[in-house]
Amino acid sequence: MPYRFIQPLPDGGIKQIAIEAANLMDAFTEFVFLHWDPDGPAAAVIYEGNFIVGQVLPRYSSARGDMEAVFEAI
């Protein structure tokens, strides 16, 4: 199943990444591992077909002392 991750960019454009995965959590894991930049525009919306199914949000981790990605289902 293809999942699309759409992320707004600071210049007003968007970055769109399509990931083929067996399920939503596998797609989220691949997106964070390969494409998510904690220093860049962190929030992303996840589409399955024409439906928004989740979002990737930034969160500060005091244990790591850095930003981490958090999945939130919609």
C-alpha atoms as a PDB file:
ATOM      1  CA  MET A   1       0.000   0.000   0.000  1.00  0.00           C
ATOM      2  CA  PRO A   2       1.491   3.395  -0.918  1.00  0.00           C
ATOM      3  CA  TYR A   3       1.528   6.083   1.759  1.00  0.00           C
ATOM      4  CA  ARG A   4       2.288   9.716   0.930  1.00  0.00           C
ATOM      5  CA  PHE A   5       4.052  11.986   3.381  1.00  0.00           C
ATOM      6  CA  ILE A   6       3.523  15.673   2.637  1.00  0.00           C
ATOM      7  CA  GLN A   7       5.665  18.199   4.437  1.00  0.00           C
ATOM      8  CA  PRO A   8       5.486  22.015   4.091  1.00  0.00           C
ATOM      9  CA  LEU A   9       8.819  23.713   3.443  1.00  0.00           C
ATOM     10  CA  PRO A  10       9.969  27.103   4.796  1.00  0.00           C
ATOM     11  CA  ASP A  11      10.036  28.575   1.264  1.00  0.00           C
ATOM     12  CA  GLY A  12       6.303  27.877   0.804  1.00  0.00           C
ATOM     13  CA  GLY A  13       6.773  24.727  -1.269  1.00  0.00           C
ATOM     14  CA  ILE A  14       6.033  21.170  -0.241  1.00  0.00           C
ATOM     15  CA  LYS A  15       8.025  17.960  -0.109  1.00  0.00           C
ATOM     16  CA  GLN A  16       6.115  14.807  -1.002  1.00  0.00           C
ATOM     17  CA  ILE A  17       7.490  11.326  -0.407  1.00  0.00           C
ATOM     18  CA  ALA A  18       5.700   8.104  -1.384  1.00  0.00           C
ATOM     19  CA  ILE A  19       6.526   4.955   0.571  1.00  0.00           C
ATOM     20  CA  GLU A  20       5.335   1.434  -0.273  1.00  0.00           C
ATOM     21  CA  ALA A  21       4.741  -0.437   2.966  1.00  0.00           C
ATOM     22  CA  ALA A  22       2.626  -3.262   4.351  1.00  0.00           C
ATOM     23  CA  ASN A  23       1.062  -0.992   6.972  1.00  0.00           C
ATOM     24  CA  LEU A  24       1.024   2.542   8.325  1.00  0.00           C
ATOM     25  CA  MET A  25       3.547   1.955  11.123  1.00  0.00           C
ATOM     26  CA  ASP A  26       6.067   0.433   8.691  1.00  0.00           C
ATOM     27  CA  ALA A  27       5.666   3.484   6.444  1.00  0.00           C
ATOM     28  CA  PHE A  28       6.100   5.847   9.420  1.00  0.00           C
ATOM     29  CA  THR A  29       9.242   4.005  10.543  1.00  0.00           C
ATOM     30  CA  GLU A  30      10.770   4.176   7.057  1.00  0.00           C
ATOM     31  CA  PHE A  31       9.901   7.871   6.695  1.00  0.00           C
ATOM     32  CA  VAL A  32      11.513   8.784  10.020  1.00  0.00           C
ATOM     33  CA  PHE A  33      14.589   6.622   9.412  1.00  0.00           C
ATOM     34  CA  LEU A  34      15.264   7.766   5.829  1.00  0.00           C
ATOM     35  CA  HIS A  35      13.627  11.168   5.343  1.00  0.00           C
ATOM     36  CA  TRP A  36      12.785  12.986   8.585  1.00  0.00           C
ATOM     37  CA  ASP A  37      15.161  15.809   9.501  1.00  0.00           C
ATOM     38  CA  PRO A  38      14.849  17.004  13.118  1.00  0.00           C
ATOM     39  CA  ASP A  39      16.495  20.297  12.122  1.00  0.00           C
ATOM     40  CA  GLY A  40      14.122  20.921   9.207  1.00  0.00           C
ATOM     41  CA  PRO A  41      10.371  21.419   8.900  1.00  0.00           C
ATOM     42  CA  ALA A  42       9.324  18.525  11.099  1.00  0.00           C
ATOM     43  CA  ALA A  43       5.546  18.160  10.775  1.00  0.00           C
ATOM     44  CA  ALA A  44       4.200  15.960   7.971  1.00  0.00           C
ATOM     45  CA  VAL A  45       0.734  14.710   7.029  1.00  0.00           C
ATOM     46  CA  ILE A  46       0.300  11.050   6.010  1.00  0.00           C
ATOM     47  CA  TYR A  47      -2.154  10.116   3.260  1.00  0.00           C
ATOM     48  CA  GLU A  48      -3.424   6.657   2.343  1.00  0.00           C
ATOM     49  CA  GLY A  49      -5.113   7.105  -1.006  1.00  0.00           C
ATOM     50  CA  ASN A  50      -7.104  10.345  -0.674  1.00  0.00           C
ATOM     51  CA  PHE A  51      -7.506  10.162   3.097  1.00  0.00           C
ATOM     52  CA  ILE A  52      -5.390  11.682   5.854  1.00  0.00           C
ATOM     53  CA  VAL A  53      -4.563   8.819   8.208  1.00  0.00           C
ATOM     54  CA  GLY A  54      -1.920  10.324  10.469  1.00  0.00           C
ATOM     55  CA  GLN A  55       0.686  12.949  11.077  1.00  0.00           C
ATOM     56  CA  VAL A  56       4.309  13.125  12.105  1.00  0.00           C
ATOM     57  CA  LEU A  57       4.920  15.711  14.810  1.00  0.00           C
ATOM     58  CA  PRO A  58       8.119  16.912  16.435  1.00  0.00           C
ATOM     59  CA  ARG A  59       8.653  16.520  20.175  1.00  0.00           C
ATOM     60  CA  TYR A  60      11.606  17.442  22.317  1.00  0.00           C
ATOM     61  CA  SER A  61      13.064  14.443  24.126  1.00  0.00           C
ATOM     62  CA  SER A  62      14.743  15.503  27.356  1.00  0.00           C
ATOM     63  CA  ALA A  63      16.269  12.018  27.657  1.00  0.00           C
ATOM     64  CA  ARG A  64      18.007  12.389  24.278  1.00  0.00           C
ATOM     65  CA  GLY A  65      18.392  16.164  24.420  1.00  0.00           C
ATOM     66  CA  ASP A  66      17.122  16.397  20.848  1.00  0.00           C
ATOM     67  CA  MET A  67      13.966  16.419  18.753  1.00  0.00           C
ATOM     68  CA  GLU A  68      12.219  13.148  17.944  1.00  0.00           C
ATOM     69  CA  ALA A  69       9.381  12.218  15.604  1.00  0.00           C
ATOM     70  CA  VAL A  70       6.028  11.204  17.094  1.00  0.00           C
ATOM     71  CA  PHE A  71       3.253   9.433  15.169  1.00  0.00           C
ATOM     72  CA  GLU A  72      -0.330  10.556  15.753  1.00  0.00           C
ATOM     73  CA  ALA A  73      -3.207   8.677  14.099  1.00  0.00           C
ATOM     74  CA  ILE A  74      -6.127  10.689  12.793  1.00  0.00           C
END
